[in-house]
Amino acid sequence: MPSKIYLIYFLIYKNLQLKYKHSLIGFVWSFLHPLFYLLVFNFVFSKAFSNIPHYSLFIISTLIFWIYFSGSCNQLSQTFIKNAHLIKSLNVRKLLYPVSEQGTELVSFLAGFLLFIFLMFYLGMPVNWNLLYILPIIVLFSIFTFSIGLILGALNVFFRDVGILWNTLNPALFYLSPIAYSLDIIPHQYLFYFKLNPLYHFFYIIRNVLYEGNAPSLIHCVYSLIITAVCFTIAMLIYRRTRNGFISSL
């Protein structure tokens, strides 16, 4: 076990080095990336959604989680392919590579999130004990994100179209998620389909805590737990069915 933990630590350290190699400001990009999105959304949509109080906080509370989700899935979809030389030469559990990839994205996310706490406070984020609920939400969201990424990564080894398809669908999923808008603007007959997006339930409880200052909705927490459990189970089943064929397919 200690050797596996050390290997995960080493891979996370290596990934962070590669991610910010030749970068002058390093982790600060974890803050600047969502900030650029925020400025664009404010410029484009602030007048259209002027009825939403503290619109900047409304956006940023879920935008930083979307960037974490998108970045993690992008990296995990390529993790086995990217580490093909290590998988072929080292006799270690292949699952350590997506785990370390997820760990890398989590470190980057937390670095940016800590900076954004101060910005969100400035933008009107309520500060009370309910803010602590964000910690288990981050854990649950990370497991969900890892599950989706592992499914993409395992399938992408055998069908490279999976990675291409994900990159194609990723922007569509962004606009189908209630990040820059409230579902109040969606016609009632289409609302059901928007709620099929699993990110909707996560973003709902995230906004409960960071935007409204309330405890997360119990029903949406249950939905999020069920979605995460189902996705994690499917991810592990797919990984176990495909892992023995990685070396011959990479």
C-alpha atoms as a PDB file:
ATOM      1  CA  MET A   1       0.000   0.000   0.000  1.00  0.00           C
ATOM      2  CA  PRO A   2       2.699   2.617   0.836  1.00  0.00           C
ATOM      3  CA  SER A   3       4.389   1.934  -2.523  1.00  0.00           C
ATOM      4  CA  LYS A   4       1.100   2.525  -4.361  1.00  0.00           C
ATOM      5  CA  ILE A   5       0.522   5.788  -2.481  1.00  0.00           C
ATOM      6  CA  TYR A   6       4.051   6.878  -3.313  1.00  0.00           C
ATOM      7  CA  LEU A   7       3.504   6.052  -6.993  1.00  0.00           C
ATOM      8  CA  ILE A   8       0.263   8.054  -7.049  1.00  0.00           C
ATOM      9  CA  TYR A   9       2.074  10.968  -5.411  1.00  0.00           C
ATOM     10  CA  PHE A  10       4.902  10.686  -7.947  1.00  0.00           C
ATOM     11  CA  LEU A  11       2.479  10.590 -10.907  1.00  0.00           C
ATOM     12  CA  ILE A  12       0.525  13.590  -9.592  1.00  0.00           C
ATOM     13  CA  TYR A  13       3.780  15.503  -9.150  1.00  0.00           C
ATOM     14  CA  LYS A  14       4.883  14.528 -12.678  1.00  0.00           C
ATOM     15  CA  ASN A  15       1.524  15.532 -14.159  1.00  0.00           C
ATOM     16  CA  LEU A  16       1.602  18.906 -12.421  1.00  0.00           C
ATOM     17  CA  GLN A  17       5.118  19.522 -13.694  1.00  0.00           C
ATOM     18  CA  LEU A  18       4.048  18.742 -17.253  1.00  0.00           C
ATOM     19  CA  LYS A  19       0.843  20.757 -16.951  1.00  0.00           C
ATOM     20  CA  TYR A  20       2.599  23.929 -15.832  1.00  0.00           C
ATOM     21  CA  LYS A  21       5.919  23.372 -17.610  1.00  0.00           C
ATOM     22  CA  HIS A  22       7.359  26.675 -18.892  1.00  0.00           C
ATOM     23  CA  SER A  23       4.402  28.512 -17.303  1.00  0.00           C
ATOM     24  CA  LEU A  24       5.320  31.756 -15.572  1.00  0.00           C
ATOM     25  CA  ILE A  25       2.342  31.839 -13.209  1.00  0.00           C
ATOM     26  CA  GLY A  26       1.608  28.103 -12.704  1.00  0.00           C
ATOM     27  CA  PHE A  27      -1.372  27.467 -10.409  1.00  0.00           C
ATOM     28  CA  VAL A  28      -2.665  31.006 -10.965  1.00  0.00           C
ATOM     29  CA  TRP A  29      -4.095  29.715 -14.269  1.00  0.00           C
ATOM     30  CA  SER A  30      -6.544  27.704 -12.167  1.00  0.00           C
ATOM     31  CA  PHE A  31      -7.923  31.077 -11.120  1.00  0.00           C
ATOM     32  CA  LEU A  32      -7.546  32.994 -14.395  1.00  0.00           C
ATOM     33  CA  HIS A  33      -9.208  30.354 -16.575  1.00  0.00           C
ATOM     34  CA  PRO A  34     -12.652  30.597 -14.891  1.00  0.00           C
ATOM     35  CA  LEU A  35     -12.172  34.354 -14.464  1.00  0.00           C
ATOM     36  CA  PHE A  36     -11.951  34.848 -18.238  1.00  0.00           C
ATOM     37  CA  TYR A  37     -15.166  32.848 -18.668  1.00  0.00           C
ATOM     38  CA  LEU A  38     -16.825  34.948 -15.980  1.00  0.00           C
ATOM     39  CA  LEU A  39     -15.892  38.207 -17.702  1.00  0.00           C
ATOM     40  CA  VAL A  40     -17.216  36.965 -21.054  1.00  0.00           C
ATOM     41  CA  PHE A  41     -20.489  35.700 -19.566  1.00  0.00           C
ATOM     42  CA  ASN A  42     -20.979  38.945 -17.665  1.00  0.00           C
ATOM     43  CA  PHE A  43     -20.428  40.939 -20.830  1.00  0.00           C
ATOM     44  CA  VAL A  44     -22.768  38.800 -22.954  1.00  0.00           C
ATOM     45  CA  PHE A  45     -25.533  37.713 -20.561  1.00  0.00           C
ATOM     46  CA  SER A  46     -25.666  40.131 -17.626  1.00  0.00           C
ATOM     47  CA  LYS A  47     -28.336  42.304 -19.276  1.00  0.00           C
ATOM     48  CA  ALA A  48     -30.377  39.303 -20.453  1.00  0.00           C
ATOM     49  CA  PHE A  49     -30.430  37.807 -16.928  1.00  0.00           C
ATOM     50  CA  SER A  50     -30.596  41.026 -14.936  1.00  0.00           C
ATOM     51  CA  ASN A  51     -33.370  39.453 -12.846  1.00  0.00           C
ATOM     52  CA  ILE A  52     -30.832  37.083 -11.251  1.00  0.00           C
ATOM     53  CA  PRO A  53     -29.334  38.699  -8.112  1.00  0.00           C
ATOM     54  CA  HIS A  54     -25.539  38.647  -7.841  1.00  0.00           C
ATOM     55  CA  TYR A  55     -25.285  37.265 -11.372  1.00  0.00           C
ATOM     56  CA  SER A  56     -21.477  36.983 -11.253  1.00  0.00           C
ATOM     57  CA  LEU A  57     -21.702  34.782  -8.155  1.00  0.00           C
ATOM     58  CA  PHE A  58     -24.493  32.777  -9.796  1.00  0.00           C
ATOM     59  CA  ILE A  59     -22.162  31.953 -12.705  1.00  0.00           C
ATOM     60  CA  ILE A  60     -18.901  31.385 -10.910  1.00  0.00           C
ATOM     61  CA  SER A  61     -20.358  29.093  -8.229  1.00  0.00           C
ATOM     62  CA  THR A  62     -20.909  26.355 -10.836  1.00  0.00           C
ATOM     63  CA  LEU A  63     -18.458  27.424 -13.555  1.00  0.00           C
ATOM     64  CA  ILE A  64     -15.416  26.415 -11.518  1.00  0.00           C
ATOM     65  CA  PHE A  65     -16.948  22.970 -10.986  1.00  0.00           C
ATOM     66  CA  TRP A  66     -17.695  22.630 -14.701  1.00  0.00           C
ATOM     67  CA  ILE A  67     -14.079  23.428 -15.596  1.00  0.00           C
ATOM     68  CA  TYR A  68     -12.955  20.811 -13.050  1.00  0.00           C
ATOM     69  CA  PHE A  69     -15.350  18.241 -14.533  1.00  0.00           C
ATOM     70  CA  SER A  70     -14.455  18.998 -18.146  1.00  0.00           C
ATOM     71  CA  GLY A  71     -10.704  19.096 -17.530  1.00  0.00           C
ATOM     72  CA  SER A  72     -10.753  15.840 -15.557  1.00  0.00           C
ATOM     73  CA  CYS A  73     -12.793  13.969 -18.170  1.00  0.00           C
ATOM     74  CA  ASN A  74     -10.564  15.258 -20.965  1.00  0.00           C
ATOM     75  CA  GLN A  75      -7.437  14.060 -19.178  1.00  0.00           C
ATOM     76  CA  LEU A  76      -8.880  10.734 -18.013  1.00  0.00           C
ATOM     77  CA  SER A  77     -10.149   9.931 -21.501  1.00  0.00           C
ATOM     78  CA  GLN A  78      -6.501   9.896 -22.633  1.00  0.00           C
ATOM     79  CA  THR A  79      -4.829   8.595 -19.469  1.00  0.00           C
ATOM     80  CA  PHE A  80      -4.223   4.988 -20.559  1.00  0.00           C
ATOM     81  CA  ILE A  81      -3.075   6.065 -24.018  1.00  0.00           C
ATOM     82  CA  LYS A  82      -0.811   8.761 -22.591  1.00  0.00           C
ATOM     83  CA  ASN A  83       0.780   6.318 -20.137  1.00  0.00           C
ATOM     84  CA  ALA A  84       1.035   3.426 -22.610  1.00  0.00           C
ATOM     85  CA  HIS A  85       4.835   3.190 -22.214  1.00  0.00           C
ATOM     86  CA  LEU A  86       4.511   2.895 -18.417  1.00  0.00           C
ATOM     87  CA  ILE A  87       1.655   0.396 -18.617  1.00  0.00           C
ATOM     88  CA  LYS A  88       3.731  -1.813 -20.903  1.00  0.00           C
ATOM     89  CA  SER A  89       6.944  -1.568 -18.873  1.00  0.00           C
ATOM     90  CA  LEU A  90       5.784  -1.428 -15.220  1.00  0.00           C
ATOM     91  CA  ASN A  91       3.896  -4.144 -13.395  1.00  0.00           C
ATOM     92  CA  VAL A  92       1.561  -1.890 -11.397  1.00  0.00           C
ATOM     93  CA  ARG A  93      -2.213  -1.612 -11.211  1.00  0.00           C
ATOM     94  CA  LYS A  94      -3.446   0.240 -14.276  1.00  0.00           C
ATOM     95  CA  LEU A  95      -6.090   1.971 -12.151  1.00  0.00           C
ATOM     96  CA  LEU A  96      -3.345   4.063 -10.527  1.00  0.00           C
ATOM     97  CA  TYR A  97      -2.966   6.118 -13.710  1.00  0.00           C
ATOM     98  CA  PRO A  98      -6.539   7.512 -13.826  1.00  0.00           C
ATOM     99  CA  VAL A  99      -6.480   7.929 -10.025  1.00  0.00           C
ATOM    100  CA  SER A 100      -3.330  10.042 -10.256  1.00  0.00           C
ATOM    101  CA  GLU A 101      -4.790  11.986 -13.206  1.00  0.00           C
ATOM    102  CA  GLN A 102      -7.881  12.756 -11.152  1.00  0.00           C
ATOM    103  CA  GLY A 103      -5.641  13.737  -8.238  1.00  0.00           C
ATOM    104  CA  THR A 104      -3.768  16.174 -10.476  1.00  0.00           C
ATOM    105  CA  GLU A 105      -6.973  17.866 -11.596  1.00  0.00           C
ATOM    106  CA  LEU A 106      -8.247  17.945  -8.005  1.00  0.00           C
ATOM    107  CA  VAL A 107      -5.093  19.729  -6.810  1.00  0.00           C
ATOM    108  CA  SER A 108      -5.460  22.318  -9.581  1.00  0.00           C
ATOM    109  CA  PHE A 109      -9.165  22.727  -8.807  1.00  0.00           C
ATOM    110  CA  LEU A 110      -8.600  23.216  -5.069  1.00  0.00           C
ATOM    111  CA  ALA A 111      -5.850  25.767  -5.721  1.00  0.00           C
ATOM    112  CA  GLY A 112      -8.213  27.815  -7.883  1.00  0.00           C
ATOM    113  CA  PHE A 113     -11.201  27.226  -5.596  1.00  0.00           C
ATOM    114  CA  LEU A 114      -9.388  28.634  -2.557  1.00  0.00           C
ATOM    115  CA  LEU A 115      -8.649  31.813  -4.510  1.00  0.00           C
ATOM    116  CA  PHE A 116     -12.243  32.014  -5.694  1.00  0.00           C
ATOM    117  CA  ILE A 117     -13.574  31.798  -2.142  1.00  0.00           C
ATOM    118  CA  PHE A 118     -12.308  35.343  -1.613  1.00  0.00           C
ATOM    119  CA  LEU A 119     -13.753  36.523  -4.946  1.00  0.00           C
ATOM    120  CA  MET A 120     -17.119  34.889  -4.232  1.00  0.00           C
ATOM    121  CA  PHE A 121     -17.194  36.535  -0.804  1.00  0.00           C
ATOM    122  CA  TYR A 122     -16.643  39.877  -2.544  1.00  0.00           C
ATOM    123  CA  LEU A 123     -19.441  39.050  -5.031  1.00  0.00           C
ATOM    124  CA  GLY A 124     -21.930  38.419  -2.225  1.00  0.00           C
ATOM    125  CA  MET A 125     -21.491  34.788  -1.183  1.00  0.00           C
ATOM    126  CA  PRO A 126     -23.244  34.170   2.165  1.00  0.00           C
ATOM    127  CA  VAL A 127     -20.766  33.093   4.822  1.00  0.00           C
ATOM    128  CA  ASN A 128     -22.203  30.733   7.435  1.00  0.00           C
ATOM    129  CA  TRP A 129     -21.774  27.184   8.676  1.00  0.00           C
ATOM    130  CA  ASN A 130     -23.629  25.843   5.635  1.00  0.00           C
ATOM    131  CA  LEU A 131     -20.502  26.628   3.622  1.00  0.00           C
ATOM    132  CA  LEU A 132     -18.918  23.484   5.119  1.00  0.00           C
ATOM    133  CA  TYR A 133     -21.341  21.358   3.102  1.00  0.00           C
ATOM    134  CA  ILE A 134     -19.219  22.120   0.040  1.00  0.00           C
ATOM    135  CA  LEU A 135     -16.512  19.727   1.304  1.00  0.00           C
ATOM    136  CA  PRO A 136     -18.543  16.476   1.008  1.00  0.00           C
ATOM    137  CA  ILE A 137     -20.041  17.831  -2.224  1.00  0.00           C
ATOM    138  CA  ILE A 138     -16.527  18.191  -3.683  1.00  0.00           C
ATOM    139  CA  VAL A 139     -15.735  14.599  -2.652  1.00  0.00           C
ATOM    140  CA  LEU A 140     -18.944  13.272  -4.216  1.00  0.00           C
ATOM    141  CA  PHE A 141     -18.473  15.352  -7.369  1.00  0.00           C
ATOM    142  CA  SER A 142     -14.886  14.117  -7.688  1.00  0.00           C
ATOM    143  CA  ILE A 143     -16.010  10.461  -7.517  1.00  0.00           C
ATOM    144  CA  PHE A 144     -18.679  11.144 -10.142  1.00  0.00           C
ATOM    145  CA  THR A 145     -16.167  12.922 -12.386  1.00  0.00           C
ATOM    146  CA  PHE A 146     -13.639  10.117 -11.954  1.00  0.00           C
ATOM    147  CA  SER A 147     -16.299   7.547 -12.902  1.00  0.00           C
ATOM    148  CA  ILE A 148     -17.209   9.326 -16.140  1.00  0.00           C
ATOM    149  CA  GLY A 149     -13.525   9.833 -16.975  1.00  0.00           C
ATOM    150  CA  LEU A 150     -12.676   6.176 -16.281  1.00  0.00           C
ATOM    151  CA  ILE A 151     -15.461   5.008 -18.589  1.00  0.00           C
ATOM    152  CA  LEU A 152     -14.171   7.304 -21.341  1.00  0.00           C
ATOM    153  CA  GLY A 153     -10.535   6.290 -20.739  1.00  0.00           C
ATOM    154  CA  ALA A 154     -11.173   2.536 -20.778  1.00  0.00           C
ATOM    155  CA  LEU A 155     -13.333   2.635 -23.902  1.00  0.00           C
ATOM    156  CA  ASN A 156     -11.001   5.042 -25.690  1.00  0.00           C
ATOM    157  CA  VAL A 157      -8.209   2.448 -25.608  1.00  0.00           C
ATOM    158  CA  PHE A 158     -10.228   0.217 -27.966  1.00  0.00           C
ATOM    159  CA  PHE A 159     -12.352   2.806 -29.783  1.00  0.00           C
ATOM    160  CA  ARG A 160     -10.497   6.075 -30.378  1.00  0.00           C
ATOM    161  CA  ASP A 161     -13.763   7.540 -31.624  1.00  0.00           C
ATOM    162  CA  VAL A 162     -14.819   7.797 -27.965  1.00  0.00           C
ATOM    163  CA  GLY A 163     -12.270  10.542 -27.275  1.00  0.00           C
ATOM    164  CA  ILE A 164     -13.233  12.398 -30.452  1.00  0.00           C
ATOM    165  CA  LEU A 165     -16.938  12.054 -29.657  1.00  0.00           C
ATOM    166  CA  TRP A 166     -16.396  13.357 -26.122  1.00  0.00           C
ATOM    167  CA  ASN A 167     -14.559  16.437 -27.431  1.00  0.00           C
ATOM    168  CA  THR A 168     -17.473  17.019 -29.808  1.00  0.00           C
ATOM    169  CA  LEU A 169     -20.184  16.629 -27.166  1.00  0.00           C
ATOM    170  CA  ASN A 170     -18.346  18.526 -24.432  1.00  0.00           C
ATOM    171  CA  PRO A 171     -19.343  22.051 -25.624  1.00  0.00           C
ATOM    172  CA  ALA A 172     -22.960  20.938 -26.073  1.00  0.00           C
ATOM    173  CA  LEU A 173     -23.048  19.547 -22.523  1.00  0.00           C
ATOM    174  CA  PHE A 174     -21.700  22.878 -21.275  1.00  0.00           C
ATOM    175  CA  TYR A 175     -24.621  24.815 -22.764  1.00  0.00           C
ATOM    176  CA  LEU A 176     -27.126  22.174 -21.670  1.00  0.00           C
ATOM    177  CA  SER A 177     -25.978  22.643 -18.070  1.00  0.00           C
ATOM    178  CA  PRO A 178     -27.491  25.518 -16.049  1.00  0.00           C
ATOM    179  CA  ILE A 179     -24.281  27.495 -15.568  1.00  0.00           C
ATOM    180  CA  ALA A 180     -24.935  30.900 -17.154  1.00  0.00           C
ATOM    181  CA  TYR A 181     -28.730  30.686 -16.953  1.00  0.00           C
ATOM    182  CA  SER A 182     -31.504  29.564 -14.660  1.00  0.00           C
ATOM    183  CA  LEU A 183     -33.881  26.781 -15.671  1.00  0.00           C
ATOM    184  CA  ASP A 184     -36.715  29.271 -15.143  1.00  0.00           C
ATOM    185  CA  ILE A 185     -36.219  30.377 -18.760  1.00  0.00           C
ATOM    186  CA  ILE A 186     -36.695  26.832 -20.125  1.00  0.00           C
ATOM    187  CA  PRO A 187     -40.207  26.091 -21.456  1.00  0.00           C
ATOM    188  CA  HIS A 188     -42.023  23.704 -19.168  1.00  0.00           C
ATOM    189  CA  GLN A 189     -42.361  20.976 -21.818  1.00  0.00           C
ATOM    190  CA  TYR A 190     -38.556  20.782 -22.168  1.00  0.00           C
ATOM    191  CA  LEU A 191     -37.660  21.079 -18.492  1.00  0.00           C
ATOM    192  CA  PHE A 192     -37.751  17.309 -17.925  1.00  0.00           C
ATOM    193  CA  TYR A 193     -35.018  16.726 -20.526  1.00  0.00           C
ATOM    194  CA  PHE A 194     -32.706  19.334 -18.987  1.00  0.00           C
ATOM    195  CA  LYS A 195     -33.077  17.634 -15.612  1.00  0.00           C
ATOM    196  CA  LEU A 196     -31.863  14.354 -17.114  1.00  0.00           C
ATOM    197  CA  ASN A 197     -28.432  15.953 -17.207  1.00  0.00           C
ATOM    198  CA  PRO A 198     -26.707  14.550 -14.076  1.00  0.00           C
ATOM    199  CA  LEU A 199     -24.740  17.781 -13.699  1.00  0.00           C
ATOM    200  CA  TYR A 200     -28.027  19.585 -13.032  1.00  0.00           C
ATOM    201  CA  HIS A 201     -28.422  17.896  -9.643  1.00  0.00           C
ATOM    202  CA  PHE A 202     -24.818  18.584  -8.637  1.00  0.00           C
ATOM    203  CA  PHE A 203     -25.032  22.223  -9.709  1.00  0.00           C
ATOM    204  CA  TYR A 204     -28.304  22.583  -7.817  1.00  0.00           C
ATOM    205  CA  ILE A 205     -26.778  21.582  -4.476  1.00  0.00           C
ATOM    206  CA  ILE A 206     -23.592  23.550  -5.191  1.00  0.00           C
ATOM    207  CA  ARG A 207     -25.666  26.701  -5.700  1.00  0.00           C
ATOM    208  CA  ASN A 208     -27.664  25.898  -2.554  1.00  0.00           C
ATOM    209  CA  VAL A 209     -24.435  26.243  -0.587  1.00  0.00           C
ATOM    210  CA  LEU A 210     -22.286  28.791  -2.432  1.00  0.00           C
ATOM    211  CA  TYR A 211     -24.964  31.058  -3.934  1.00  0.00           C
ATOM    212  CA  GLU A 212     -27.901  30.836  -1.550  1.00  0.00           C
ATOM    213  CA  GLY A 213     -26.043  30.063   1.669  1.00  0.00           C
ATOM    214  CA  ASN A 214     -28.418  27.206   2.476  1.00  0.00           C
ATOM    215  CA  ALA A 215     -27.975  23.533   3.275  1.00  0.00           C
ATOM    216  CA  PRO A 216     -28.096  21.420   0.091  1.00  0.00           C
ATOM    217  CA  SER A 217     -31.464  20.103  -1.028  1.00  0.00           C
ATOM    218  CA  LEU A 218     -31.971  16.610   0.394  1.00  0.00           C
ATOM    219  CA  ILE A 219     -33.746  15.258  -2.703  1.00  0.00           C
ATOM    220  CA  HIS A 220     -30.993  16.514  -5.022  1.00  0.00           C
ATOM    221  CA  CYS A 221     -28.354  15.079  -2.686  1.00  0.00           C
ATOM    222  CA  VAL A 222     -30.071  11.700  -2.955  1.00  0.00           C
ATOM    223  CA  TYR A 223     -30.189  12.003  -6.752  1.00  0.00           C
ATOM    224  CA  SER A 224     -26.494  12.926  -6.817  1.00  0.00           C
ATOM    225  CA  LEU A 225     -25.593   9.972  -4.584  1.00  0.00           C
ATOM    226  CA  ILE A 226     -27.556   7.538  -6.747  1.00  0.00           C
ATOM    227  CA  ILE A 227     -26.055   8.934  -9.968  1.00  0.00           C
ATOM    228  CA  THR A 228     -22.547   8.697  -8.537  1.00  0.00           C
ATOM    229  CA  ALA A 229     -23.049   5.142  -7.256  1.00  0.00           C
ATOM    230  CA  VAL A 230     -24.441   3.969 -10.608  1.00  0.00           C
ATOM    231  CA  CYS A 231     -21.699   5.690 -12.640  1.00  0.00           C
ATOM    232  CA  PHE A 232     -18.936   4.369 -10.355  1.00  0.00           C
ATOM    233  CA  THR A 233     -20.301   0.813 -10.567  1.00  0.00           C
ATOM    234  CA  ILE A 234     -20.506   0.982 -14.362  1.00  0.00           C
ATOM    235  CA  ALA A 235     -17.003   2.477 -14.563  1.00  0.00           C
ATOM    236  CA  MET A 236     -15.464  -0.296 -12.458  1.00  0.00           C
ATOM    237  CA  LEU A 237     -17.289  -3.002 -14.403  1.00  0.00           C
ATOM    238  CA  ILE A 238     -16.064  -1.589 -17.727  1.00  0.00           C
ATOM    239  CA  TYR A 239     -12.522  -1.172 -16.393  1.00  0.00           C
ATOM    240  CA  ARG A 240     -12.359  -4.754 -15.081  1.00  0.00           C
ATOM    241  CA  ARG A 241     -13.724  -6.158 -18.333  1.00  0.00           C
ATOM    242  CA  THR A 242     -11.248  -4.219 -20.489  1.00  0.00           C
ATOM    243  CA  ARG A 243      -8.032  -3.849 -18.447  1.00  0.00           C
ATOM    244  CA  ASN A 244      -6.474  -7.143 -19.595  1.00  0.00           C
ATOM    245  CA  GLY A 245      -6.671  -5.991 -23.209  1.00  0.00           C
ATOM    246  CA  PHE A 246      -4.975  -2.631 -22.679  1.00  0.00           C
ATOM    247  CA  ILE A 247      -1.416  -3.725 -23.477  1.00  0.00           C
ATOM    248  CA  SER A 248      -2.335  -5.376 -26.781  1.00  0.00           C
ATOM    249  CA  SER A 249      -4.467  -2.386 -27.852  1.00  0.00           C
ATOM    250  CA  LEU A 250      -2.140   0.453 -26.842  1.00  0.00           C
END
